[in-house]
PDB file of N, CA and C in Angstrom:
ATOM      1  N   UNK A   1      11.305  21.814 -13.823  1.00  0.00           N
ATOM      2  CA  UNK A   1      11.570  20.435 -12.809  1.00  0.00           C
ATOM      3  C   UNK A   1      10.521  20.082 -12.231  1.00  0.00           C
ATOM      4  N   UNK A   2      10.484  18.959 -12.299  1.00  0.00           N
ATOM      5  CA  UNK A   2       9.373  18.371 -11.471  1.00  0.00           C
ATOM      6  C   UNK A   2       9.924  17.871 -10.001  1.00  0.00           C
ATOM      7  N   UNK A   3       8.988  17.581  -9.576  1.00  0.00           N
ATOM      8  CA  UNK A   3       9.376  16.456  -8.240  1.00  0.00           C
ATOM      9  C   UNK A   3       8.667  15.061  -8.372  1.00  0.00           C
ATOM     10  N   UNK A   4       9.612  14.133  -8.162  1.00  0.00           N
ATOM     11  CA  UNK A   4       9.223  12.851  -8.600  1.00  0.00           C
ATOM     12  C   UNK A   4       8.695  12.118  -7.739  1.00  0.00           C
ATOM     13  N   UNK A   5       7.389  11.784  -7.549  1.00  0.00           N
ATOM     14  CA  UNK A   5       6.874  10.296  -6.406  1.00  0.00           C
ATOM     15  C   UNK A   5       6.247   9.363  -7.195  1.00  0.00           C
ATOM     16  N   UNK A   6       7.054   8.025  -6.656  1.00  0.00           N
ATOM     17  CA  UNK A   6       6.485   6.434  -7.107  1.00  0.00           C
ATOM     18  C   UNK A   6       5.483   5.998  -6.204  1.00  0.00           C
ATOM     19  N   UNK A   7       4.692   5.376  -6.681  1.00  0.00           N
ATOM     20  CA  UNK A   7       3.260   5.189  -5.941  1.00  0.00           C
ATOM     21  C   UNK A   7       3.445   3.521  -6.397  1.00  0.00           C
ATOM     22  N   UNK A   8       3.752   2.937  -4.782  1.00  0.00           N
ATOM     23  CA  UNK A   8       3.227   1.395  -4.998  1.00  0.00           C
ATOM     24  C   UNK A   8       2.979   1.274  -3.454  1.00  0.00           C
ATOM     25  N   UNK A   9       2.237   0.081  -3.313  1.00  0.00           N
ATOM     26  CA  UNK A   9       2.235  -0.508  -2.111  1.00  0.00           C
ATOM     27  C   UNK A   9       3.523  -1.424  -1.265  1.00  0.00           C
ATOM     28  N   UNK A  10       4.041  -1.040  -0.469  1.00  0.00           N
ATOM     29  CA  UNK A  10       4.491  -2.491   0.189  1.00  0.00           C
ATOM     30  C   UNK A  10       4.922  -2.567   1.268  1.00  0.00           C
ATOM     31  N   UNK A  11       5.060  -3.926   1.459  1.00  0.00           N
ATOM     32  CA  UNK A  11       4.240  -4.752   2.587  1.00  0.00           C
ATOM     33  C   UNK A  11       5.284  -4.278   3.866  1.00  0.00           C
ATOM     34  N   UNK A  12       4.529  -3.688   5.292  1.00  0.00           N
ATOM     35  CA  UNK A  12       5.146  -3.764   6.591  1.00  0.00           C
ATOM     36  C   UNK A  12       5.483  -1.899   6.206  1.00  0.00           C
ATOM     37  N   UNK A  13       4.775  -1.518   5.408  1.00  0.00           N
ATOM     38  CA  UNK A  13       4.894   0.157   5.274  1.00  0.00           C
ATOM     39  C   UNK A  13       3.277   0.672   5.215  1.00  0.00           C
ATOM     40  N   UNK A  14       2.623   0.770   6.595  1.00  0.00           N
ATOM     41  CA  UNK A  14       1.091   0.582   6.664  1.00  0.00           C
ATOM     42  C   UNK A  14       0.939   2.176   6.359  1.00  0.00           C
ATOM     43  N   UNK A  15       2.060   3.315   6.147  1.00  0.00           N
ATOM     44  CA  UNK A  15       1.447   4.637   6.038  1.00  0.00           C
ATOM     45  C   UNK A  15       1.001   4.975   5.126  1.00  0.00           C
ATOM     46  N   UNK A  16       2.049   4.618   4.149  1.00  0.00           N
ATOM     47  CA  UNK A  16       2.298   5.307   2.713  1.00  0.00           C
ATOM     48  C   UNK A  16       2.040   4.491   1.537  1.00  0.00           C
ATOM     49  N   UNK A  17       1.625   4.908   0.321  1.00  0.00           N
ATOM     50  CA  UNK A  17       2.294   4.465  -0.699  1.00  0.00           C
ATOM     51  C   UNK A  17       3.268   4.845  -1.883  1.00  0.00           C
ATOM     52  N   UNK A  18       3.645   5.904  -1.021  1.00  0.00           N
ATOM     53  CA  UNK A  18       4.540   6.984  -1.658  1.00  0.00           C
ATOM     54  C   UNK A  18       6.180   7.277  -1.099  1.00  0.00           C
ATOM     55  N   UNK A  19       6.886   7.053  -2.682  1.00  0.00           N
ATOM     56  CA  UNK A  19       8.668   6.904  -1.733  1.00  0.00           C
ATOM     57  C   UNK A  19       8.859   7.936  -2.741  1.00  0.00           C
ATOM     58  N   UNK A  20       9.442   8.883  -2.610  1.00  0.00           N
ATOM     59  CA  UNK A  20      10.291   9.853  -3.176  1.00  0.00           C
ATOM     60  C   UNK A  20      11.635   9.466  -3.947  1.00  0.00           C
ATOM     61  N   UNK A  21      11.896  10.255  -5.014  1.00  0.00           N
ATOM     62  CA  UNK A  21      12.879  10.202  -5.850  1.00  0.00           C
ATOM     63  C   UNK A  21      14.294   9.421  -5.176  1.00  0.00           C
ATOM     64  N   UNK A  22      14.529  10.369  -4.055  1.00  0.00           N
ATOM     65  CA  UNK A  22      15.501   9.927  -3.316  1.00  0.00           C
ATOM     66  C   UNK A  22      15.550   9.885  -1.496  1.00  0.00           C
ATOM     67  N   UNK A  23      16.353   9.478  -1.185  1.00  0.00           N
ATOM     68  CA  UNK A  23      16.404   8.974   0.315  1.00  0.00           C
ATOM     69  C   UNK A  23      16.395  10.356   1.230  1.00  0.00           C
ATOM     70  N   UNK A  24      16.990  11.152   1.021  1.00  0.00           N
ATOM     71  CA  UNK A  24      17.448  12.523   1.398  1.00  0.00           C
ATOM     72  C   UNK A  24      16.064  13.769   1.532  1.00  0.00           C
ATOM     73  N   UNK A  25      15.105  13.100   0.450  1.00  0.00           N
ATOM     74  CA  UNK A  25      13.446  14.221   0.243  1.00  0.00           C
ATOM     75  C   UNK A  25      13.281  14.641   1.314  1.00  0.00           C
ATOM     76  N   UNK A  26      13.125  15.988   1.438  1.00  0.00           N
ATOM     77  CA  UNK A  26      12.376  16.500   2.307  1.00  0.00           C
ATOM     78  C   UNK A  26      10.659  16.147   3.119  1.00  0.00           C
ATOM     79  N   UNK A  27      10.169  15.563   1.912  1.00  0.00           N
ATOM     80  CA  UNK A  27       8.969  14.770   2.462  1.00  0.00           C
ATOM     81  C   UNK A  27       8.874  13.365   2.964  1.00  0.00           C
ATOM     82  N   UNK A  28      10.378  12.669   3.381  1.00  0.00           N
ATOM     83  CA  UNK A  28      10.136  11.772   4.156  1.00  0.00           C
ATOM     84  C   UNK A  28      10.984  10.750   2.979  1.00  0.00           C
ATOM     85  N   UNK A  29      11.512   9.253   3.410  1.00  0.00           N
ATOM     86  CA  UNK A  29      11.601   8.111   2.745  1.00  0.00           C
ATOM     87  C   UNK A  29      10.967   6.698   3.423  1.00  0.00           C
ATOM     88  N   UNK A  30      10.110   6.259   3.491  1.00  0.00           N
ATOM     89  CA  UNK A  30       9.052   6.755   2.281  1.00  0.00           C
ATOM     90  C   UNK A  30       8.442   7.922   2.745  1.00  0.00           C
ATOM     91  N   UNK A  31       7.649   8.519   1.994  1.00  0.00           N
ATOM     92  CA  UNK A  31       6.965   9.811   2.053  1.00  0.00           C
ATOM     93  C   UNK A  31       5.796  10.088   3.303  1.00  0.00           C
ATOM     94  N   UNK A  32       6.220  10.695   3.971  1.00  0.00           N
ATOM     95  CA  UNK A  32       4.971  10.977   4.666  1.00  0.00           C
ATOM     96  C   UNK A  32       4.010  12.256   4.331  1.00  0.00           C
ATOM     97  N   UNK A  33       2.758  11.431   3.959  1.00  0.00           N
ATOM     98  CA  UNK A  33       1.721  12.350   3.235  1.00  0.00           C
ATOM     99  C   UNK A  33       1.598  13.589   4.113  1.00  0.00           C
ATOM    100  N   UNK A  34       1.613  13.828   5.687  1.00  0.00           N
ATOM    101  CA  UNK A  34       1.570  15.273   6.228  1.00  0.00           C
ATOM    102  C   UNK A  34       2.217  16.408   5.587  1.00  0.00           C
ATOM    103  N   UNK A  35       3.335  15.984   4.782  1.00  0.00           N
ATOM    104  CA  UNK A  35       4.476  16.565   4.652  1.00  0.00           C
ATOM    105  C   UNK A  35       4.028  17.044   2.887  1.00  0.00           C
ATOM    106  N   UNK A  36       3.207  16.506   2.394  1.00  0.00           N
ATOM    107  CA  UNK A  36       2.706  17.299   1.063  1.00  0.00           C
ATOM    108  C   UNK A  36       1.558  17.993   1.328  1.00  0.00           C
ATOM    109  N   UNK A  37       1.551  18.837   0.014  1.00  0.00           N
ATOM    110  CA  UNK A  37       0.737  19.709  -0.269  1.00  0.00           C
ATOM    111  C   UNK A  37      -0.711  19.270  -0.682  1.00  0.00           C
ATOM    112  N   UNK A  38      -1.246  18.794  -0.017  1.00  0.00           N
ATOM    113  CA  UNK A  38      -2.650  17.597  -0.395  1.00  0.00           C
ATOM    114  C   UNK A  38      -3.620  17.948   0.267  1.00  0.00           C
ATOM    115  N   UNK A  39      -4.947  17.438   0.258  1.00  0.00           N
ATOM    116  CA  UNK A  39      -6.082  17.584   1.168  1.00  0.00           C
ATOM    117  C   UNK A  39      -5.840  16.997   2.488  1.00  0.00           C
ATOM    118  N   UNK A  40      -6.572  17.175   3.457  1.00  0.00           N
ATOM    119  CA  UNK A  40      -6.548  15.898   4.268  1.00  0.00           C
ATOM    120  C   UNK A  40      -7.546  14.510   4.261  1.00  0.00           C
ATOM    121  N   UNK A  41      -8.570  14.943   3.214  1.00  0.00           N
ATOM    122  CA  UNK A  41      -9.082  13.910   3.045  1.00  0.00           C
ATOM    123  C   UNK A  41      -8.185  12.647   1.728  1.00  0.00           C
ATOM    124  N   UNK A  42      -7.413  13.284   0.908  1.00  0.00           N
ATOM    125  CA  UNK A  42      -6.632  12.315  -0.197  1.00  0.00           C
ATOM    126  C   UNK A  42      -5.390  11.798   0.896  1.00  0.00           C
ATOM    127  N   UNK A  43      -4.981  12.639   2.039  1.00  0.00           N
ATOM    128  CA  UNK A  43      -4.058  12.264   3.083  1.00  0.00           C
ATOM    129  C   UNK A  43      -4.563  10.749   3.508  1.00  0.00           C
ATOM    130  N   UNK A  44      -5.854  11.083   4.366  1.00  0.00           N
ATOM    131  CA  UNK A  44      -5.921   9.771   4.674  1.00  0.00           C
ATOM    132  C   UNK A  44      -6.687   9.002   4.188  1.00  0.00           C
ATOM    133  N   UNK A  45      -6.838   8.595   3.058  1.00  0.00           N
ATOM    134  CA  UNK A  45      -7.272   8.038   2.110  1.00  0.00           C
ATOM    135  C   UNK A  45      -6.069   7.019   1.826  1.00  0.00           C
ATOM    136  N   UNK A  46      -4.921   7.631   1.349  1.00  0.00           N
ATOM    137  CA  UNK A  46      -3.401   7.063   1.012  1.00  0.00           C
ATOM    138  C   UNK A  46      -3.092   6.561   2.265  1.00  0.00           C
ATOM    139  N   UNK A  47      -3.427   6.900   3.598  1.00  0.00           N
ATOM    140  CA  UNK A  47      -3.529   5.957   5.039  1.00  0.00           C
ATOM    141  C   UNK A  47      -4.352   4.639   5.003  1.00  0.00           C
ATOM    142  N   UNK A  48      -5.309   4.964   4.505  1.00  0.00           N
ATOM    143  CA  UNK A  48      -6.432   3.700   4.495  1.00  0.00           C
ATOM    144  C   UNK A  48      -5.803   2.976   3.655  1.00  0.00           C
ATOM    145  N   UNK A  49      -5.324   3.099   2.654  1.00  0.00           N
ATOM    146  CA  UNK A  49      -5.090   2.137   1.557  1.00  0.00           C
ATOM    147  C   UNK A  49      -3.878   1.437   1.781  1.00  0.00           C
ATOM    148  N   UNK A  50      -2.875   2.215   2.294  1.00  0.00           N
ATOM    149  CA  UNK A  50      -1.733   1.627   2.817  1.00  0.00           C
ATOM    150  C   UNK A  50      -1.751   0.232   3.563  1.00  0.00           C
ATOM    151  N   UNK A  51      -2.578   0.997   4.846  1.00  0.00           N
ATOM    152  CA  UNK A  51      -3.355  -0.241   6.286  1.00  0.00           C
ATOM    153  C   UNK A  51      -3.789  -1.363   5.264  1.00  0.00           C
ATOM    154  N   UNK A  52      -4.973  -0.889   4.667  1.00  0.00           N
ATOM    155  CA  UNK A  52      -5.981  -2.045   4.279  1.00  0.00           C
ATOM    156  C   UNK A  52      -4.738  -3.075   3.388  1.00  0.00           C
ATOM    157  N   UNK A  53      -3.866  -2.465   2.411  1.00  0.00           N
ATOM    158  CA  UNK A  53      -2.692  -3.345   2.059  1.00  0.00           C
ATOM    159  C   UNK A  53      -2.164  -4.559   2.611  1.00  0.00           C
ATOM    160  N   UNK A  54      -1.851  -4.275   3.635  1.00  0.00           N
ATOM    161  CA  UNK A  54      -1.251  -5.334   4.718  1.00  0.00           C
ATOM    162  C   UNK A  54      -2.448  -6.399   4.882  1.00  0.00           C
ATOM    163  N   UNK A  55      -3.286  -6.285   4.584  1.00  0.00           N
ATOM    164  CA  UNK A  55      -4.019  -7.378   4.586  1.00  0.00           C
ATOM    165  C   UNK A  55      -3.865  -8.941   3.585  1.00  0.00           C
ATOM    166  N   UNK A  56      -3.444  -7.736   2.527  1.00  0.00           N
ATOM    167  CA  UNK A  56      -3.510  -8.743   1.195  1.00  0.00           C
ATOM    168  C   UNK A  56      -2.557  -9.887   0.992  1.00  0.00           C
ATOM    169  N   UNK A  57      -1.828  -9.789   2.011  1.00  0.00           N
ATOM    170  CA  UNK A  57      -0.529 -10.974   2.417  1.00  0.00           C
ATOM    171  C   UNK A  57      -0.940 -11.542   3.289  1.00  0.00           C
ATOM    172  N   UNK A  58      -0.570 -12.931   3.274  1.00  0.00           N
ATOM    173  CA  UNK A  58      -0.631 -14.364   3.959  1.00  0.00           C
ATOM    174  C   UNK A  58       1.041 -13.814   5.050  1.00  0.00           C
ATOM    175  N   UNK A  59       0.954 -13.399   5.592  1.00  0.00           N
ATOM    176  CA  UNK A  59       1.875 -13.121   6.629  1.00  0.00           C
ATOM    177  C   UNK A  59       2.846 -14.110   7.313  1.00  0.00           C
ATOM    178  N   UNK A  60       2.149 -15.368   7.121  1.00  0.00           N
ATOM    179  CA  UNK A  60       2.759 -16.712   7.554  1.00  0.00           C
ATOM    180  C   UNK A  60       3.771 -16.904   6.454  1.00  0.00           C
ATOM    181  N   UNK A  61       3.023 -16.631   5.164  1.00  0.00           N
ATOM    182  CA  UNK A  61       3.652 -17.384   3.802  1.00  0.00           C
ATOM    183  C   UNK A  61       3.322 -15.983   3.068  1.00  0.00           C
ATOM    184  N   UNK A  62       4.301 -14.926   3.009  1.00  0.00           N
ATOM    185  CA  UNK A  62       4.153 -13.731   2.266  1.00  0.00           C
ATOM    186  C   UNK A  62       4.349 -14.417   1.016  1.00  0.00           C
ATOM    187  N   UNK A  63       5.323 -15.026   0.219  1.00  0.00           N
ATOM    188  CA  UNK A  63       5.756 -15.511  -0.840  1.00  0.00           C
ATOM    189  C   UNK A  63       4.069 -16.247  -1.561  1.00  0.00           C
ATOM    190  N   UNK A  64       3.418 -16.671  -1.005  1.00  0.00           N
ATOM    191  CA  UNK A  64       2.315 -17.290  -1.347  1.00  0.00           C
ATOM    192  C   UNK A  64       0.756 -16.675  -2.020  1.00  0.00           C
ATOM    193  N   UNK A  65       0.264 -17.401  -2.090  1.00  0.00           N
ATOM    194  CA  UNK A  65      -1.034 -16.421  -2.584  1.00  0.00           C
ATOM    195  C   UNK A  65      -1.706 -15.229  -1.763  1.00  0.00           C
ATOM    196  N   UNK A  66      -2.103 -14.331  -2.079  1.00  0.00           N
ATOM    197  CA  UNK A  66      -3.078 -13.515  -1.234  1.00  0.00           C
ATOM    198  C   UNK A  66      -4.369 -13.999  -0.750  1.00  0.00           C
ATOM    199  N   UNK A  67      -4.590 -13.688   0.389  1.00  0.00           N
ATOM    200  CA  UNK A  67      -5.910 -14.525   1.069  1.00  0.00           C
ATOM    201  C   UNK A  67      -6.966 -13.474   0.392  1.00  0.00           C
ATOM    202  N   UNK A  68      -6.884 -12.566  -0.533  1.00  0.00           N
ATOM    203  CA  UNK A  68      -8.195 -11.611  -0.856  1.00  0.00           C
ATOM    204  C   UNK A  68      -8.560 -12.112  -2.315  1.00  0.00           C
ATOM    205  N   UNK A  69      -9.887 -12.015  -2.069  1.00  0.00           N
ATOM    206  CA  UNK A  69     -10.694 -12.778  -3.503  1.00  0.00           C
ATOM    207  C   UNK A  69     -10.467 -11.953  -4.936  1.00  0.00           C
ATOM    208  N   UNK A  70     -10.267 -12.316  -6.331  1.00  0.00           N
ATOM    209  CA  UNK A  70     -10.670 -11.465  -7.053  1.00  0.00           C
ATOM    210  C   UNK A  70     -11.381  -9.717  -6.801  1.00  0.00           C
ATOM    211  N   UNK A  71     -12.895 -10.382  -6.324  1.00  0.00           N
ATOM    212  CA  UNK A  71     -13.127  -9.241  -5.853  1.00  0.00           C
ATOM    213  C   UNK A  71     -12.742  -8.090  -5.003  1.00  0.00           C
ATOM    214  N   UNK A  72     -11.991  -8.307  -3.779  1.00  0.00           N
ATOM    215  CA  UNK A  72     -11.141  -7.610  -2.847  1.00  0.00           C
ATOM    216  C   UNK A  72     -10.117  -7.020  -3.943  1.00  0.00           C
ATOM    217  N   UNK A  73      -9.402  -7.605  -4.524  1.00  0.00           N
ATOM    218  CA  UNK A  73      -8.462  -7.177  -5.103  1.00  0.00           C
ATOM    219  C   UNK A  73      -8.868  -6.340  -6.259  1.00  0.00           C
ATOM    220  N   UNK A  74      -9.632  -6.569  -6.991  1.00  0.00           N
ATOM    221  CA  UNK A  74     -10.533  -5.227  -8.168  1.00  0.00           C
ATOM    222  C   UNK A  74     -11.157  -3.757  -7.338  1.00  0.00           C
ATOM    223  N   UNK A  75     -11.783  -3.904  -6.424  1.00  0.00           N
ATOM    224  CA  UNK A  75     -11.910  -3.506  -5.817  1.00  0.00           C
ATOM    225  C   UNK A  75     -10.524  -2.065  -5.049  1.00  0.00           C
ATOM    226  N   UNK A  76      -9.863  -2.748  -4.307  1.00  0.00           N
ATOM    227  CA  UNK A  76      -8.360  -2.082  -4.276  1.00  0.00           C
ATOM    228  C   UNK A  76      -7.661  -1.218  -5.016  1.00  0.00           C
ATOM    229  N   UNK A  77      -7.719  -1.863  -6.312  1.00  0.00           N
ATOM    230  CA  UNK A  77      -7.027  -1.178  -7.632  1.00  0.00           C
ATOM    231  C   UNK A  77      -8.128  -0.314  -7.898  1.00  0.00           C
ATOM    232  N   UNK A  78      -9.424  -0.141  -8.021  1.00  0.00           N
ATOM    233  CA  UNK A  78     -10.228   0.858  -8.087  1.00  0.00           C
ATOM    234  C   UNK A  78      -9.923   1.888  -7.057  1.00  0.00           C
ATOM    235  N   UNK A  79     -10.072   2.006  -5.864  1.00  0.00           N
ATOM    236  CA  UNK A  79      -9.938   2.372  -4.690  1.00  0.00           C
ATOM    237  C   UNK A  79      -8.360   3.230  -5.184  1.00  0.00           C
ATOM    238  N   UNK A  80      -7.582   2.680  -5.183  1.00  0.00           N
ATOM    239  CA  UNK A  80      -5.593   2.643  -5.366  1.00  0.00           C
ATOM    240  C   UNK A  80      -5.601   3.908  -7.015  1.00  0.00           C
ATOM    241  N   UNK A  81      -6.696   3.235  -8.110  1.00  0.00           N
ATOM    242  CA  UNK A  81      -6.607   4.576  -9.081  1.00  0.00           C
ATOM    243  C   UNK A  81      -7.497   5.694  -8.787  1.00  0.00           C
ATOM    244  N   UNK A  82      -8.217   5.910  -8.201  1.00  0.00           N
ATOM    245  CA  UNK A  82      -8.820   7.276  -7.635  1.00  0.00           C
ATOM    246  C   UNK A  82      -8.231   7.845  -6.709  1.00  0.00           C
ATOM    247  N   UNK A  83      -7.566   6.831  -5.532  1.00  0.00           N
ATOM    248  CA  UNK A  83      -6.456   7.780  -5.163  1.00  0.00           C
ATOM    249  C   UNK A  83      -5.400   8.411  -5.891  1.00  0.00           C
ATOM    250  N   UNK A  84      -5.238   7.608  -6.754  1.00  0.00           N
ATOM    251  CA  UNK A  84      -3.856   8.697  -7.546  1.00  0.00           C
ATOM    252  C   UNK A  84      -4.329   9.632  -8.336  1.00  0.00           C
ATOM    253  N   UNK A  85      -5.459   9.229  -8.717  1.00  0.00           N
ATOM    254  CA  UNK A  85      -6.224  10.676  -9.733  1.00  0.00           C
ATOM    255  C   UNK A  85      -6.221  11.765  -8.590  1.00  0.00           C
ATOM    256  N   UNK A  86      -6.483  11.433  -7.665  1.00  0.00           N
ATOM    257  CA  UNK A  86      -6.828  12.906  -6.683  1.00  0.00           C
ATOM    258  C   UNK A  86      -5.379  12.983  -6.122  1.00  0.00           C
ATOM    259  N   UNK A  87      -4.649  12.324  -5.831  1.00  0.00           N
ATOM    260  CA  UNK A  87      -3.290  12.743  -5.621  1.00  0.00           C
ATOM    261  C   UNK A  87      -2.549  13.849  -6.691  1.00  0.00           C
ATOM    262  N   UNK A  88      -2.821  13.487  -7.757  1.00  0.00           N
ATOM    263  CA  UNK A  88      -1.780  14.217  -8.945  1.00  0.00           C
ATOM    264  C   UNK A  88      -2.665  15.234  -9.280  1.00  0.00           C
ATOM    265  N   UNK A  89      -3.850  15.076  -8.943  1.00  0.00           N
ATOM    266  CA  UNK A  89      -4.918  16.886  -9.245  1.00  0.00           C
ATOM    267  C   UNK A  89      -4.317  17.280  -8.385  1.00  0.00           C
ATOM    268  N   UNK A  90      -4.081  17.117  -7.005  1.00  0.00           N
ATOM    269  CA  UNK A  90      -4.101  18.499  -5.895  1.00  0.00           C
ATOM    270  C   UNK A  90      -2.488  18.504  -6.052  1.00  0.00           C
ATOM    271  N   UNK A  91      -1.613  17.756  -6.307  1.00  0.00           N
ATOM    272  CA  UNK A  91      -0.215  18.370  -6.553  1.00  0.00           C
ATOM    273  C   UNK A  91       0.373  19.335  -7.819  1.00  0.00           C
ATOM    274  N   UNK A  92      -0.848  18.974  -8.489  1.00  0.00           N
ATOM    275  CA  UNK A  92      -0.346  19.697 -10.027  1.00  0.00           C
ATOM    276  C   UNK A  92       0.721  19.729 -10.563  1.00  0.00           C
ATOM    277  N   UNK A  93       0.820  20.560 -11.005  1.00  0.00           N
ATOM    278  CA  UNK A  93       2.299  20.664 -12.554  1.00  0.00           C
ATOM    279  C   UNK A  93       3.438  20.382 -12.460  1.00  0.00           C
ATOM    280  N   UNK A  94       3.883  20.773 -11.278  1.00  0.00           N
ATOM    281  CA  UNK A  94       5.018  20.671 -10.498  1.00  0.00           C
ATOM    282  C   UNK A  94       5.556  19.222 -10.366  1.00  0.00           C
ATOM    283  N   UNK A  95       4.889  18.303 -10.457  1.00  0.00           N
ATOM    284  CA  UNK A  95       5.098  17.320  -9.298  1.00  0.00           C
ATOM    285  C   UNK A  95       4.580  16.237 -10.753  1.00  0.00           C
ATOM    286  N   UNK A  96       5.448  14.724 -10.343  1.00  0.00           N
ATOM    287  CA  UNK A  96       5.405  13.717 -11.366  1.00  0.00           C
ATOM    288  C   UNK A  96       5.302  12.296 -10.295  1.00  0.00           C
ATOM    289  N   UNK A  97       3.950  11.739 -10.766  1.00  0.00           N
ATOM    290  CA  UNK A  97       3.764  10.697  -9.658  1.00  0.00           C
ATOM    291  C   UNK A  97       3.581   9.599 -10.356  1.00  0.00           C
ATOM    292  N   UNK A  98       4.647   8.689 -10.351  1.00  0.00           N
ATOM    293  CA  UNK A  98       4.691   7.671 -11.121  1.00  0.00           C
ATOM    294  C   UNK A  98       3.775   6.324 -10.973  1.00  0.00           C
ATOM    295  N   UNK A  99       2.606   5.454 -11.489  1.00  0.00           N
ATOM    296  CA  UNK A  99       2.198   4.439 -11.245  1.00  0.00           C
ATOM    297  C   UNK A  99       3.104   3.329 -11.362  1.00  0.00           C
ATOM    298  N   UNK A 100       3.713   2.746  -9.992  1.00  0.00           N
ATOM    299  CA  UNK A 100       4.517   1.233  -9.875  1.00  0.00           C
ATOM    300  C   UNK A 100       4.359   0.667  -9.308  1.00  0.00           C
ATOM    301  N   UNK A 101       2.439   0.874  -9.471  1.00  0.00           N
ATOM    302  CA  UNK A 101       2.386  -1.059  -8.777  1.00  0.00           C
ATOM    303  C   UNK A 101       2.277  -1.934  -9.542  1.00  0.00           C
ATOM    304  N   UNK A 102       2.648  -3.443  -8.385  1.00  0.00           N
ATOM    305  CA  UNK A 102       3.020  -4.415  -9.781  1.00  0.00           C
ATOM    306  C   UNK A 102       1.354  -5.234  -9.446  1.00  0.00           C
ATOM    307  N   UNK A 103       1.374  -6.039 -10.956  1.00  0.00           N
ATOM    308  CA  UNK A 103      -0.297  -6.737 -10.972  1.00  0.00           C
ATOM    309  C   UNK A 103       0.191  -7.757  -9.729  1.00  0.00           C
ATOM    310  N   UNK A 104      -1.158  -8.254  -9.467  1.00  0.00           N
ATOM    311  CA  UNK A 104      -2.022  -9.047  -8.473  1.00  0.00           C
ATOM    312  C   UNK A 104      -1.446 -10.388  -9.445  1.00  0.00           C
TER     313      UNK A 104
END
């Protein structure tokens, strides 16, 4: 049996990219990184990325194009990929972290 988490960034949610399978999860909904058995460094990187993601939106016209350049998007994706890899490694075999990020 696995514990499933979904990995994606959500506008207006600046503290985590993690969402449990069920709303009544013991890890919170959305997931609170401090409740997970992960390192402080990985936890901090997840929060940093979530906060950074908020600036990828034009809050005056959210459905419009991102104010980020292609280079900023690429860097963010690389950093998110690295954080996801670290997260999966630290959580181990009893966990499944599904990458549900949408393409730019």
